[in-house]
Protein backbone atom coordinates (compact mmCIF):
# COMPACT_ATOMS: atom_id res chain seq x y z
CA MET A 1 0.01 -0.01 -0.01
CA ALA A 2 1.44 3.31 -1.01
CA TYR A 3 0.61 6.73 0.27
CA GLN A 4 -0.16 9.36 -2.23
CA GLY A 5 0.28 12.74 -0.61
CA ASN A 6 -0.96 14.05 2.66
CA THR A 7 -4.70 13.63 2.15
CA ALA A 8 -6.61 10.81 3.64
CA TYR A 9 -8.98 8.74 1.59
CA GLN A 10 -12.52 8.28 2.66
CA LEU A 11 -13.50 4.72 2.78
CA ASP A 12 -16.97 4.15 1.57
CA TYR A 13 -18.32 0.80 2.52
CA SER A 14 -20.81 0.76 -0.26
CA GLN A 15 -18.11 1.04 -2.87
CA ASN A 16 -15.04 -1.01 -3.10
CA THR A 17 -13.13 1.70 -4.76
CA TRP A 18 -10.94 4.38 -3.31
CA GLU A 19 -12.10 7.84 -3.92
CA VAL A 20 -9.86 10.83 -3.73
CA PRO A 21 -11.34 13.25 -1.26
CA VAL A 22 -12.55 16.55 -2.45
CA GLY A 23 -9.77 19.03 -2.01
CA ARG A 24 -10.76 21.24 0.78
CA GLY A 25 -8.18 23.57 2.26
CA LEU A 26 -7.11 23.36 5.81
CA SER A 27 -8.88 25.75 8.13
CA LEU A 28 -7.81 27.04 11.49
CA HIS A 29 -10.36 26.89 14.27
CA GLU A 30 -9.42 29.00 17.29
CA GLY A 31 -10.72 27.72 20.55
CA GLY A 32 -11.99 29.85 23.38
CA GLY A 33 -8.58 29.72 25.11
CA ILE A 34 -9.90 27.27 27.67
CA ASP A 35 -6.61 25.37 27.80
CA ALA A 36 -4.68 28.60 28.42
CA GLN A 37 -7.16 29.67 31.07
CA VAL A 38 -6.81 26.30 32.84
CA ARG A 39 -3.03 26.63 32.74
CA ARG A 40 -3.21 30.18 34.17
CA GLN A 41 -5.54 29.02 36.96
CA THR A 42 -3.32 26.05 37.71
CA SER A 43 -0.21 28.21 37.79
CA SER A 44 -1.93 30.74 40.06
CA MET A 45 -3.04 27.90 42.30
CA THR A 46 0.48 26.49 42.47
CA GLY A 47 1.74 29.99 43.26
CA LEU A 48 -0.85 30.28 45.99
CA VAL A 49 0.10 26.88 47.39
CA ARG A 50 3.78 27.85 47.33
CA LEU A 51 2.95 31.09 49.13
CA VAL A 52 0.99 29.21 51.81
CA VAL A 53 3.83 26.72 52.27
CA ALA A 54 6.39 29.53 52.53
CA ALA A 55 4.25 31.39 55.06
CA THR A 56 3.83 28.19 57.11
CA ILE A 57 7.60 27.56 57.12
CA ALA A 58 8.25 31.20 58.11
CA LEU A 59 5.77 30.97 60.98
CA ALA A 60 7.28 27.68 62.14
CA LEU A 61 10.78 29.20 62.15
CA LEU A 62 9.48 32.23 64.01
CA GLY A 63 7.87 29.89 66.60
CA VAL A 64 11.11 27.94 67.01
CA CYS A 65 13.07 31.18 67.53
CA ARG A 66 10.51 32.36 70.10
CA VAL A 67 10.67 29.06 72.01
CA ALA A 68 14.50 29.17 71.99
CA LEU A 69 14.46 32.76 73.26
CA THR A 70 11.98 31.86 75.99
CA VAL A 71 14.09 28.89 77.09
CA ARG A 72 17.22 31.05 77.29
CA THR A 73 15.32 33.72 79.25
CA VAL A 74 14.00 31.18 81.75
CA SER A 75 17.45 29.65 82.26
CA ALA A 76 18.97 33.12 82.74
CA LEU A 77 16.30 33.96 85.33
CA GLN A 78 16.97 30.69 87.17
CA ASP A 79 20.71 31.44 87.22
CA LEU A 80 19.98 34.97 88.45
CA SER A 81 17.73 33.64 91.22
CA GLU A 82 20.44 31.22 92.31
CA ILE A 83 23.06 33.97 92.32
CA GLU A 84 20.79 36.29 94.31
CA SER A 85 20.26 33.48 96.82
CA ASN A 86 24.03 32.98 97.14
CA VAL A 87 24.58 36.72 97.62
CA SER A 88 21.85 36.87 100.26
CA GLN A 89 23.40 33.95 102.13
CA ALA A 90 26.86 35.58 101.91
CA LEU A 91 25.49 38.83 103.27
CA ASP A 92 23.82 36.98 106.16
CA THR A 93 27.04 35.14 106.93
CA ARG A 94 29.01 38.40 106.79
CA THR A 95 26.61 40.05 109.24
CA GLU A 96 26.84 37.07 111.62
CA LEU A 97 30.65 37.13 111.43
CA GLN A 98 30.76 40.89 112.12
CA VAL A 99 28.57 40.43 115.17
CA GLU A 100 30.72 37.53 116.38
CA ARG A 101 33.92 39.53 115.81
CA SER A 102 32.58 42.50 117.71
CA VAL A 103 31.51 40.25 120.60
CA LEU A 104 34.88 38.44 120.66
CA SER A 105 36.94 41.60 120.41
CA ALA A 106 35.12 43.54 123.11
CA THR A 107 37.65 45.00 125.59
CA ASP A 108 35.52 44.10 128.66
CA ARG A 109 35.42 40.44 127.57
CA ILE A 110 39.18 40.34 126.93
CA GLN A 111 39.93 41.93 130.37
CA ARG A 112 37.59 39.51 132.09
CA ILE A 113 39.18 36.44 130.44
CA ALA A 114 42.67 37.74 131.18
CA THR A 115 41.94 38.38 134.86
CA GLU A 116 39.74 35.33 135.58
CA ASN A 117 41.34 32.63 133.47
CA TYR A 118 44.98 33.65 133.32
CA GLY A 119 45.33 35.66 136.54
CA MET A 120 46.70 38.72 134.76
CA VAL A 121 46.56 42.14 136.35
CA TYR A 122 47.46 45.62 135.20
CA ALA A 123 51.08 46.61 135.89
CA SER A 124 51.54 49.16 138.65
CA GLU A 125 55.00 50.24 137.50
CA VAL A 126 56.60 50.25 134.05
CA ASP A 127 60.33 49.73 133.70
CA THR A 128 62.04 50.79 130.47
CA ILE A 129 65.49 49.62 129.41
CA ASN A 130 67.37 51.22 126.50
CA ILE A 131 70.38 49.44 125.08
CA GLN A 132 72.69 51.45 122.87
CA THR A 133 74.62 49.66 120.18
CA SER A 134 77.19 51.61 118.32
CA ALA A 135 77.67 50.51 114.76
CA THR A 136 79.95 53.38 113.85
CA PRO A 137 82.92 54.90 115.64
CA GLN A 138 82.21 57.78 118.06
CA GLY A 139 83.40 60.53 115.72
CA GLU A 140 81.49 59.41 112.61
CA ALA A 141 77.73 59.62 113.03
CA SER A 142 75.63 59.25 109.92
CA ALA A 143 71.97 59.85 109.29
CA ASP A 144 71.33 56.17 108.56
CA ALA A 145 72.87 55.12 111.86
CA ALA A 146 70.77 57.69 113.75
CA GLN A 147 67.59 56.53 112.05
CA SER A 148 68.28 52.85 112.74
CA ALA A 149 69.02 53.68 116.37
CA GLU A 150 65.64 55.47 116.64
CA GLU A 151 63.86 52.50 115.11
CA ALA A 152 65.62 50.13 117.53
CA ASP A 153 64.51 52.27 120.44
CA ALA A 154 60.95 52.33 119.22
CA LEU A 155 60.88 48.53 118.73
CA ALA A 156 62.52 47.72 122.03
CA PRO A 157 60.24 45.68 124.30
CA VAL A 158 58.76 47.37 127.32
CA ALA A 159 58.92 45.26 130.43
């Protein structure tokens, strides 16, 4: 079977012969643009779906950031509360130690312990002994020697 051009033959069942179709020209029939409208609606729907998905992801990320910020804030507040508690305890301990120091260092208490427990009494007479040491010969007196002699006199025990 051989093809003869680009026209199709019409098969007539009543005749066994092939007839060449009447030569009609091709005509263009424009549709109502339904296919293009469907594509535009579909593309606008996919754009809308993409927009909804993007907004959902953005809100989820914003929620995660908010939760992370809240967790950090709560942990910072707990640390601050613990530090304030430690400072309060330290201040209480300091106050107690100051009271104890003032009680222990009271002159009346020290005098009472010295007289009752150790039998100490105030001295009625004070004897002072000065010992002169000469580091330089008699004729040569220097300022350093005089100053060291004064310091030795000041540090000498009083008995």
